[in-house]
Amino acid sequence: MVTPIGPDDVVANRGVTTIPQAVILAFNRLIEGRWDGVQARFTRSDAVGAIWAATGLCEQEMLHARHLDIEPLYRDAGWKVTYEAPEIGETWEAHYVFEVR
C-alpha cells in the first residue's frame, strides 16, 4: 500500500546526497588556493568551473545532483561555511566563504 509522504519524511531525506570525491577535491583545491590566512572566498562560477573541469558535468547536472550543496559536509569537517546569493534585482555574484570555526 502506498501512503502519502509526511513533512518529517521530506525533511529527513532532503539533505541526503552523495557528493563525488571529484567534487570534494575541487572544493578543497579552491579553499586551499583562495586561503588568505583568515578565509577562503570564491564565486559559485569558480566552483562550477572547477567541478566541470574535474567531472565534465554541466551546471544543470550539478544542480540536479546537488553537488553545490556542500555546506553541511564542510561544517561537519570544522569550517564555518557561508553561501551568499543575490536577491532578485541584485547583480553581484553568489559566493562561498570558508572560515575557521
N, C-alpha and C. Protein backbone atom coordinates (compact mmCIF):
# COMPACT_ATOMS: atom_id res chain seq x y z
N MET A 1 0.84 -1.17 0.00
CA MET A 1 0.00 0.00 0.00
C MET A 1 0.89 1.24 0.00
N VAL A 2 0.57 2.21 -0.83
CA VAL A 2 1.30 3.47 -0.91
C VAL A 2 0.61 4.47 0.00
N THR A 3 1.41 5.18 0.79
CA THR A 3 0.85 6.21 1.68
C THR A 3 1.46 7.55 1.35
N PRO A 4 0.77 8.62 1.68
CA PRO A 4 1.33 9.95 1.41
C PRO A 4 2.59 10.19 2.24
N ILE A 5 3.49 10.92 1.65
CA ILE A 5 4.71 11.30 2.35
C ILE A 5 4.38 12.42 3.35
N GLY A 6 5.00 12.36 4.49
CA GLY A 6 4.79 13.38 5.50
C GLY A 6 5.91 14.39 5.55
N PRO A 7 5.70 15.52 6.24
CA PRO A 7 6.75 16.54 6.32
C PRO A 7 8.05 16.01 6.91
N ASP A 8 7.97 15.15 7.91
CA ASP A 8 9.18 14.61 8.52
C ASP A 8 9.99 13.79 7.52
N ASP A 9 9.28 13.08 6.62
CA ASP A 9 9.97 12.29 5.61
C ASP A 9 10.75 13.18 4.66
N VAL A 10 10.16 14.29 4.28
CA VAL A 10 10.82 15.21 3.35
C VAL A 10 12.03 15.84 4.01
N VAL A 11 11.86 16.32 5.23
CA VAL A 11 12.96 16.97 5.94
C VAL A 11 14.08 15.97 6.20
N ALA A 12 13.75 14.75 6.59
CA ALA A 12 14.76 13.74 6.90
C ALA A 12 15.56 13.35 5.65
N ASN A 13 14.92 13.33 4.50
CA ASN A 13 15.60 12.89 3.28
C ASN A 13 16.19 14.02 2.47
N ARG A 14 15.87 15.24 2.81
CA ARG A 14 16.27 16.38 1.99
C ARG A 14 17.79 16.53 1.89
N GLY A 15 18.49 16.33 2.98
CA GLY A 15 19.93 16.54 2.98
C GLY A 15 20.74 15.33 2.54
N VAL A 16 20.07 14.24 2.21
CA VAL A 16 20.78 13.03 1.84
C VAL A 16 21.24 13.13 0.40
N THR A 17 22.52 13.17 0.23
CA THR A 17 23.09 13.22 -1.11
C THR A 17 24.50 12.65 -1.04
N THR A 18 24.94 12.12 -2.12
CA THR A 18 26.31 11.61 -2.18
C THR A 18 27.11 12.56 -3.05
N ILE A 19 28.10 13.16 -2.45
CA ILE A 19 28.96 14.09 -3.16
C ILE A 19 30.16 13.29 -3.69
N PRO A 20 30.37 13.27 -4.99
CA PRO A 20 31.52 12.54 -5.55
C PRO A 20 32.85 13.10 -5.03
N GLN A 21 33.83 12.23 -4.96
CA GLN A 21 35.15 12.64 -4.49
C GLN A 21 35.73 13.76 -5.35
N ALA A 22 35.47 13.73 -6.65
CA ALA A 22 36.00 14.77 -7.55
C ALA A 22 35.44 16.15 -7.19
N VAL A 23 34.19 16.20 -6.73
CA VAL A 23 33.58 17.47 -6.33
C VAL A 23 34.23 17.98 -5.05
N ILE A 24 34.43 17.09 -4.10
CA ILE A 24 35.08 17.46 -2.84
C ILE A 24 36.50 17.94 -3.12
N LEU A 25 37.21 17.23 -3.97
CA LEU A 25 38.57 17.63 -4.33
C LEU A 25 38.58 19.01 -4.99
N ALA A 26 37.60 19.30 -5.84
CA ALA A 26 37.51 20.61 -6.49
C ALA A 26 37.32 21.70 -5.45
N PHE A 27 36.42 21.48 -4.48
CA PHE A 27 36.22 22.47 -3.42
C PHE A 27 37.47 22.59 -2.56
N ASN A 28 38.11 21.48 -2.23
CA ASN A 28 39.33 21.53 -1.42
C ASN A 28 40.40 22.39 -2.10
N ARG A 29 40.55 22.20 -3.40
CA ARG A 29 41.56 22.98 -4.13
C ARG A 29 41.20 24.46 -4.16
N LEU A 30 39.92 24.77 -4.31
CA LEU A 30 39.51 26.17 -4.28
C LEU A 30 39.79 26.79 -2.91
N ILE A 31 39.47 26.05 -1.86
CA ILE A 31 39.71 26.56 -0.50
C ILE A 31 41.21 26.80 -0.29
N GLU A 32 42.02 25.83 -0.64
CA GLU A 32 43.47 25.97 -0.48
C GLU A 32 44.02 27.13 -1.32
N GLY A 33 43.55 27.23 -2.53
CA GLY A 33 44.05 28.26 -3.44
C GLY A 33 43.62 29.66 -3.08
N ARG A 34 42.50 29.79 -2.41
CA ARG A 34 41.96 31.12 -2.06
C ARG A 34 42.18 31.47 -0.60
N TRP A 35 42.81 30.59 0.16
CA TRP A 35 43.01 30.84 1.58
C TRP A 35 43.95 32.02 1.77
N ASP A 36 43.50 33.02 2.54
CA ASP A 36 44.31 34.22 2.79
C ASP A 36 44.80 34.31 4.22
N GLY A 37 44.66 33.23 4.96
CA GLY A 37 45.06 33.22 6.37
C GLY A 37 43.89 33.43 7.30
N VAL A 38 42.79 33.94 6.79
CA VAL A 38 41.58 34.18 7.57
C VAL A 38 40.39 33.45 6.97
N GLN A 39 40.30 33.50 5.66
CA GLN A 39 39.16 32.90 4.98
C GLN A 39 39.52 32.54 3.55
N ALA A 40 38.66 31.73 2.96
CA ALA A 40 38.74 31.44 1.53
C ALA A 40 37.40 31.87 0.95
N ARG A 41 37.44 32.70 -0.08
CA ARG A 41 36.23 33.22 -0.71
C ARG A 41 36.34 32.98 -2.21
N PHE A 42 35.29 32.39 -2.78
CA PHE A 42 35.25 32.19 -4.23
C PHE A 42 33.81 32.15 -4.70
N THR A 43 33.64 32.45 -5.97
CA THR A 43 32.29 32.56 -6.53
C THR A 43 31.74 31.18 -6.87
N ARG A 44 30.44 31.17 -7.01
CA ARG A 44 29.77 29.95 -7.46
C ARG A 44 30.29 29.56 -8.85
N SER A 45 30.54 30.54 -9.70
CA SER A 45 31.09 30.26 -11.03
C SER A 45 32.45 29.57 -10.93
N ASP A 46 33.27 30.00 -9.96
CA ASP A 46 34.55 29.33 -9.73
C ASP A 46 34.33 27.86 -9.39
N ALA A 47 33.36 27.61 -8.50
CA ALA A 47 33.06 26.23 -8.09
C ALA A 47 32.53 25.41 -9.26
N VAL A 48 31.62 25.99 -10.03
CA VAL A 48 31.07 25.28 -11.20
C VAL A 48 32.18 24.95 -12.18
N GLY A 49 33.07 25.90 -12.45
CA GLY A 49 34.18 25.67 -13.37
C GLY A 49 35.11 24.58 -12.89
N ALA A 50 35.41 24.58 -11.59
CA ALA A 50 36.31 23.57 -11.03
C ALA A 50 35.67 22.19 -11.08
N ILE A 51 34.39 22.12 -10.79
CA ILE A 51 33.69 20.83 -10.83
C ILE A 51 33.57 20.34 -12.27
N TRP A 52 33.26 21.25 -13.18
CA TRP A 52 33.18 20.87 -14.60
C TRP A 52 34.52 20.31 -15.07
N ALA A 53 35.61 20.97 -14.70
CA ALA A 53 36.94 20.50 -15.11
C ALA A 53 37.24 19.13 -14.53
N ALA A 54 36.74 18.85 -13.33
CA ALA A 54 37.02 17.57 -12.66
C ALA A 54 36.09 16.44 -13.10
N THR A 55 34.85 16.80 -13.49
CA THR A 55 33.86 15.75 -13.74
C THR A 55 33.26 15.77 -15.14
N GLY A 56 33.31 16.92 -15.80
CA GLY A 56 32.66 17.05 -17.10
C GLY A 56 31.17 17.32 -17.00
N LEU A 57 30.65 17.47 -15.78
CA LEU A 57 29.22 17.73 -15.60
C LEU A 57 28.91 19.19 -15.91
N CYS A 58 27.77 19.43 -16.55
CA CYS A 58 27.33 20.81 -16.77
C CYS A 58 26.65 21.31 -15.49
N GLU A 59 26.46 22.62 -15.42
CA GLU A 59 25.89 23.22 -14.21
C GLU A 59 24.52 22.64 -13.88
N GLN A 60 23.70 22.40 -14.88
CA GLN A 60 22.37 21.85 -14.65
C GLN A 60 22.45 20.47 -13.99
N GLU A 61 23.40 19.65 -14.44
CA GLU A 61 23.60 18.33 -13.84
C GLU A 61 24.08 18.46 -12.40
N MET A 62 24.96 19.43 -12.15
CA MET A 62 25.45 19.66 -10.78
C MET A 62 24.29 20.05 -9.86
N LEU A 63 23.44 20.95 -10.35
CA LEU A 63 22.31 21.40 -9.55
C LEU A 63 21.35 20.24 -9.27
N HIS A 64 21.05 19.47 -10.30
CA HIS A 64 20.13 18.34 -10.14
C HIS A 64 20.67 17.34 -9.12
N ALA A 65 21.97 17.07 -9.15
CA ALA A 65 22.60 16.11 -8.24
C ALA A 65 22.97 16.74 -6.90
N ARG A 66 22.73 18.05 -6.76
CA ARG A 66 23.00 18.79 -5.51
C ARG A 66 24.48 18.79 -5.15
N HIS A 67 25.35 18.81 -6.16
CA HIS A 67 26.79 18.82 -5.92
C HIS A 67 27.31 20.15 -5.40
N LEU A 68 26.51 21.20 -5.49
CA LEU A 68 26.94 22.50 -4.98
C LEU A 68 26.49 22.72 -3.53
N ASP A 69 25.72 21.80 -2.99
CA ASP A 69 25.22 21.91 -1.62
C ASP A 69 26.17 21.24 -0.64
N ILE A 70 27.36 21.80 -0.53
CA ILE A 70 28.43 21.16 0.24
C ILE A 70 28.56 21.73 1.65
N GLU A 71 27.77 22.75 1.96
CA GLU A 71 27.93 23.42 3.25
C GLU A 71 27.88 22.47 4.43
N PRO A 72 26.88 21.59 4.56
CA PRO A 72 26.85 20.69 5.72
C PRO A 72 28.07 19.79 5.83
N LEU A 73 28.56 19.32 4.71
CA LEU A 73 29.73 18.45 4.69
C LEU A 73 30.96 19.17 5.26
N TYR A 74 31.17 20.39 4.84
CA TYR A 74 32.33 21.16 5.30
C TYR A 74 32.12 21.69 6.73
N ARG A 75 30.89 21.96 7.11
CA ARG A 75 30.64 22.34 8.50
C ARG A 75 30.98 21.19 9.43
N ASP A 76 30.59 19.98 9.02
CA ASP A 76 30.93 18.80 9.82
C ASP A 76 32.44 18.59 9.92
N ALA A 77 33.18 19.08 8.93
CA ALA A 77 34.64 18.96 8.93
C ALA A 77 35.31 20.06 9.74
N GLY A 78 34.52 21.03 10.27
CA GLY A 78 35.08 22.06 11.13
C GLY A 78 35.08 23.47 10.59
N TRP A 79 34.55 23.68 9.40
CA TRP A 79 34.52 25.01 8.80
C TRP A 79 33.25 25.76 9.16
N LYS A 80 33.35 27.07 9.21
CA LYS A 80 32.19 27.94 9.19
C LYS A 80 32.01 28.27 7.71
N VAL A 81 30.91 27.82 7.12
CA VAL A 81 30.68 28.00 5.69
C VAL A 81 29.48 28.91 5.48
N THR A 82 29.67 29.91 4.65
CA THR A 82 28.58 30.81 4.30
C THR A 82 28.43 30.80 2.79
N TYR A 83 27.19 30.65 2.33
CA TYR A 83 26.89 30.77 0.91
C TYR A 83 25.96 31.96 0.78
N GLU A 84 26.40 32.95 0.04
CA GLU A 84 25.60 34.16 -0.14
C GLU A 84 25.22 34.30 -1.60
N ALA A 85 23.93 34.55 -1.85
CA ALA A 85 23.43 34.70 -3.21
C ALA A 85 22.60 35.98 -3.31
N PRO A 86 22.64 36.62 -4.45
CA PRO A 86 21.89 37.87 -4.61
C PRO A 86 20.38 37.63 -4.64
N GLU A 87 19.67 38.63 -4.20
CA GLU A 87 18.20 38.62 -4.30
C GLU A 87 17.83 39.04 -5.72
N ILE A 88 16.59 38.86 -6.07
CA ILE A 88 16.11 39.28 -7.38
C ILE A 88 16.38 40.77 -7.55
N GLY A 89 16.98 41.12 -8.68
CA GLY A 89 17.30 42.52 -8.98
C GLY A 89 18.70 42.93 -8.59
N GLU A 90 19.37 42.13 -7.76
CA GLU A 90 20.76 42.43 -7.41
C GLU A 90 21.68 41.81 -8.45
N THR A 91 22.85 42.40 -8.63
CA THR A 91 23.71 41.97 -9.73
C THR A 91 25.03 41.33 -9.29
N TRP A 92 25.32 41.25 -8.01
CA TRP A 92 26.57 40.64 -7.59
C TRP A 92 26.46 39.11 -7.70
N GLU A 93 27.62 38.47 -7.74
CA GLU A 93 27.65 37.02 -7.98
C GLU A 93 27.64 36.24 -6.67
N ALA A 94 26.89 35.16 -6.66
CA ALA A 94 26.84 34.27 -5.49
C ALA A 94 28.25 33.77 -5.18
N HIS A 95 28.52 33.58 -3.88
CA HIS A 95 29.85 33.13 -3.49
C HIS A 95 29.82 32.32 -2.20
N TYR A 96 30.87 31.57 -2.01
CA TYR A 96 31.11 30.79 -0.80
C TYR A 96 32.19 31.47 0.01
N VAL A 97 32.05 31.40 1.34
CA VAL A 97 33.10 31.88 2.25
C VAL A 97 33.35 30.75 3.27
N PHE A 98 34.61 30.35 3.38
CA PHE A 98 35.02 29.33 4.34
C PHE A 98 35.93 30.00 5.37
N GLU A 99 35.57 29.85 6.64
CA GLU A 99 36.37 30.40 7.74
C GLU A 99 36.56 29.32 8.80
N VAL A 100 37.63 29.46 9.58
CA VAL A 100 37.83 28.54 10.68
C VAL A 100 36.76 28.82 11.72
N ARG A 101 36.14 27.76 12.20
CA ARG A 101 35.07 27.91 13.18
C ARG A 101 35.63 28.24 14.54
